[in-house]
Amino acid sequence: MITLKGKNLYLRALEPEDLEFVFSIENDEGLWELSATQTPYSRFLIKQYLDNAHQDIFEAKQLRLVICNYNDKALGLIDLFDFDFKNKRAGVGILIKLQEDRTQGYGKEALDMLVNYSFNTLHLHQLYCNISEDNEASLSLFEKKGFKKVGLKNDWNFNGKTYTNEFLLQLINK
C-alpha cells in the first residue's frame, strides 16, 4: 500500500514552485485565526522556509505536505508539528484553501493518509489537534476519524473582539 496516495488525492513534499500557493495561504487574514498568526509573511521568508523544507521530521520537528488532486492542483496543506520523538506524538493541522473545496471530502481523505503515515511509518503513539470550539466542520472531521475531545481550554484565543474556547483532541494508536 502506498501511504501518501489515496483515491482522489495524494500528499507531497513542498517544492520551490509552491511559493505563491504558500504565500497566499500565509497572508490570508481570514485564516490567521486558525494558525494564531498575526503578521504577514514576505515571499523572501517563505522562500527561505521552502529552501529548508528538505529537512526530515526528526530534524525540523515538523512536516508540511501539500494536498493535491490527480490533476496536480494544490488544494491545501496538512501538517505534523511539535513532533516529539521521545514520546512518539505530534500535533496535526489541516487547511483546505478554497471554500468550494472544503465540502468535497478532501480533508477526510488527507487526514486518513496522514494518520496512516504517522502510525504505520513514523510509528507514533498519538496525534493531537487544537480546534476552536466554534469550528464545527473541523471538530466533525477529526471526531469522525476517531479523535476524542480530552480537554477544553477556556478563553484560550483572542480573535480581536472576544476570547474563544479551544478543544484539545487526541487520537491514540492502539
Protein backbone atom coordinates (compact mmCIF):
# COMPACT_ATOMS: atom_id res chain seq x y z
CA MET A 1 0.00 0.00 0.00
CA ILE A 2 1.27 3.47 -0.89
CA THR A 3 0.85 5.60 2.21
CA LEU A 4 0.54 9.09 0.74
CA LYS A 5 -1.72 8.30 -2.22
CA GLY A 6 -5.46 7.98 -1.92
CA LYS A 7 -8.45 7.52 -4.18
CA ASN A 8 -8.78 11.20 -5.15
CA LEU A 9 -5.70 12.83 -3.63
CA TYR A 10 -2.06 12.50 -2.87
CA LEU A 11 0.18 14.24 -0.34
CA ARG A 12 3.55 15.53 -1.44
CA ALA A 13 6.50 17.42 -0.06
CA LEU A 14 6.77 21.15 -0.54
CA GLU A 15 8.52 22.30 -3.71
CA PRO A 16 10.06 25.67 -4.63
CA GLU A 17 7.16 26.09 -7.08
CA ASP A 18 4.76 26.23 -4.08
CA LEU A 19 5.97 29.72 -3.18
CA GLU A 20 2.86 31.59 -4.39
CA PHE A 21 0.48 28.96 -3.01
CA VAL A 22 2.02 29.07 0.48
CA PHE A 23 2.33 32.86 0.27
CA SER A 24 -1.40 33.17 -0.48
CA ILE A 25 -2.33 30.94 2.46
CA GLU A 26 0.03 32.52 4.99
CA ASN A 27 -1.14 36.02 4.05
CA ASP A 28 -4.88 35.34 4.01
CA GLU A 29 -6.04 37.25 7.08
CA GLY A 30 -9.23 35.18 7.12
CA LEU A 31 -7.12 32.16 8.01
CA TRP A 32 -4.88 33.78 10.61
CA GLU A 33 -7.18 32.86 13.49
CA LEU A 34 -6.68 29.16 12.63
CA SER A 35 -2.91 29.38 12.90
CA ALA A 36 -2.51 32.02 15.60
CA THR A 37 -0.73 34.20 13.03
CA GLN A 38 -0.90 37.97 13.38
CA THR A 39 1.57 39.22 10.82
CA PRO A 40 2.05 38.73 7.10
CA TYR A 41 4.95 36.77 5.66
CA SER A 42 7.14 38.05 2.85
CA ARG A 43 7.92 36.00 -0.23
CA PHE A 44 11.55 36.12 0.91
CA LEU A 45 10.75 34.44 4.25
CA ILE A 46 8.54 31.82 2.60
CA LYS A 47 11.29 31.13 0.03
CA GLN A 48 13.73 30.58 2.91
CA TYR A 49 11.22 28.23 4.55
CA LEU A 50 10.81 26.29 1.28
CA ASP A 51 14.60 26.15 0.84
CA ASN A 52 14.79 24.35 4.19
CA ALA A 53 11.74 22.12 3.64
CA HIS A 54 14.08 19.26 2.72
CA GLN A 55 14.82 18.67 6.42
CA ASP A 56 13.21 15.49 7.67
CA ILE A 57 10.71 15.45 10.51
CA PHE A 58 13.34 14.30 13.02
CA GLU A 59 15.46 17.37 12.31
CA ALA A 60 12.79 20.02 11.72
CA LYS A 61 10.26 18.66 14.28
CA GLN A 62 7.54 19.29 11.69
CA LEU A 63 6.35 18.02 8.34
CA ARG A 64 4.21 20.07 5.97
CA LEU A 65 2.67 18.32 2.99
CA VAL A 66 0.69 19.71 0.07
CA ILE A 67 -2.73 18.14 -0.55
CA CYS A 68 -3.12 17.64 -4.32
CA ASN A 69 -5.74 16.14 -6.57
CA TYR A 70 -4.71 13.94 -9.51
CA ASN A 71 -4.84 16.97 -11.83
CA ASP A 72 -1.89 18.23 -9.75
CA LYS A 73 -3.96 21.08 -8.30
CA ALA A 74 -2.77 22.09 -4.83
CA LEU A 75 -5.87 22.12 -2.60
CA GLY A 76 -4.37 22.75 0.81
CA LEU A 77 -1.78 21.84 3.40
CA ILE A 78 -1.60 19.22 6.11
CA ASP A 79 0.99 19.39 8.87
CA LEU A 80 2.56 17.40 11.62
CA PHE A 81 4.04 19.84 14.13
CA ASP A 82 5.66 19.74 17.57
CA PHE A 83 7.00 16.31 16.63
CA ASP A 84 8.15 14.65 19.84
CA PHE A 85 10.22 11.56 19.04
CA LYS A 86 10.78 10.60 22.68
CA ASN A 87 7.06 10.49 23.49
CA LYS A 88 6.07 9.46 19.96
CA ARG A 89 3.47 12.17 19.37
CA ALA A 90 2.78 15.10 17.09
CA GLY A 91 0.17 17.76 16.51
CA VAL A 92 -1.92 17.79 13.33
CA GLY A 93 -3.15 20.77 11.35
CA ILE A 94 -5.07 20.79 8.09
CA LEU A 95 -6.27 23.52 5.77
CA ILE A 96 -8.19 23.28 2.52
CA LYS A 97 -7.63 26.67 0.87
CA LEU A 98 -10.76 27.37 -1.16
CA GLN A 99 -14.23 27.36 0.37
CA GLU A 100 -15.68 25.39 -2.58
CA ASP A 101 -13.15 22.60 -1.98
CA ARG A 102 -13.93 22.29 1.75
CA THR A 103 -17.02 20.12 1.46
CA GLN A 104 -15.69 17.59 -1.04
CA GLY A 105 -14.17 15.04 1.38
CA TYR A 106 -10.60 16.17 0.68
CA GLY A 107 -9.88 16.90 4.35
CA LYS A 108 -11.08 13.44 5.37
CA GLU A 109 -9.01 11.68 2.73
CA ALA A 110 -5.89 13.73 3.53
CA LEU A 111 -6.33 13.12 7.26
CA ASP A 112 -6.75 9.37 6.66
CA MET A 113 -3.46 9.29 4.77
CA LEU A 114 -1.62 11.37 7.38
CA VAL A 115 -2.87 9.25 10.29
CA ASN A 116 -1.87 6.08 8.44
CA TYR A 117 1.59 7.52 7.71
CA SER A 118 2.01 8.75 11.30
CA PHE A 119 1.10 5.42 12.90
CA ASN A 120 2.48 2.93 10.37
CA THR A 121 5.59 4.69 9.03
CA LEU A 122 6.64 7.09 11.79
CA HIS A 123 5.34 4.68 14.49
CA LEU A 124 3.82 7.47 16.55
CA HIS A 125 1.75 6.56 19.58
CA GLN A 126 -0.58 9.55 19.42
CA LEU A 127 -1.70 12.55 17.44
CA TYR A 128 -3.44 15.62 18.79
CA CYS A 129 -5.05 18.77 17.48
CA ASN A 130 -6.33 22.07 18.84
CA ILE A 131 -9.64 23.24 17.39
CA SER A 132 -11.71 26.30 18.19
CA GLU A 133 -14.98 25.44 19.90
CA ASP A 134 -16.94 27.12 17.09
CA ASN A 135 -15.14 25.33 14.22
CA GLU A 136 -17.81 22.67 13.78
CA ALA A 137 -16.51 21.41 10.43
CA SER A 138 -13.04 20.65 11.82
CA LEU A 139 -14.41 19.16 15.02
CA SER A 140 -16.64 16.86 12.97
CA LEU A 141 -13.78 15.86 10.66
CA PHE A 142 -11.42 14.89 13.49
CA GLU A 143 -14.10 13.21 15.61
CA LYS A 144 -15.22 11.07 12.64
CA LYS A 145 -11.58 9.92 12.35
CA GLY A 146 -11.66 8.82 16.00
CA PHE A 147 -10.06 11.81 17.71
CA LYS A 148 -11.57 12.32 21.17
CA LYS A 149 -12.10 15.59 22.99
CA VAL A 150 -9.88 15.40 26.05
CA GLY A 151 -9.98 18.99 27.22
CA LEU A 152 -11.45 22.44 26.79
CA LYS A 153 -9.17 25.45 27.10
CA ASN A 154 -11.37 28.33 28.25
CA ASP A 155 -10.78 31.83 26.85
CA TRP A 156 -7.77 30.40 25.03
CA ASN A 157 -7.66 32.56 21.90
CA PHE A 158 -8.42 36.23 21.36
CA ASN A 159 -9.99 36.94 17.97
CA GLY A 160 -9.71 40.72 18.18
CA LYS A 161 -13.10 41.12 19.85
CA THR A 162 -13.63 38.31 22.35
CA TYR A 163 -11.92 35.32 23.82
CA THR A 164 -12.83 31.92 22.41
CA ASN A 165 -12.53 28.42 23.79
CA GLU A 166 -10.44 25.72 22.15
CA PHE A 167 -10.75 21.94 22.35
CA LEU A 168 -7.80 19.59 22.63
CA LEU A 169 -8.46 16.35 20.73
CA GLN A 170 -6.33 13.24 20.80
CA LEU A 171 -6.04 10.01 18.83
CA ILE A 172 -4.14 7.13 20.42
CA ASN A 173 -2.63 4.43 18.22
CA LYS A 174 -3.93 1.22 19.82
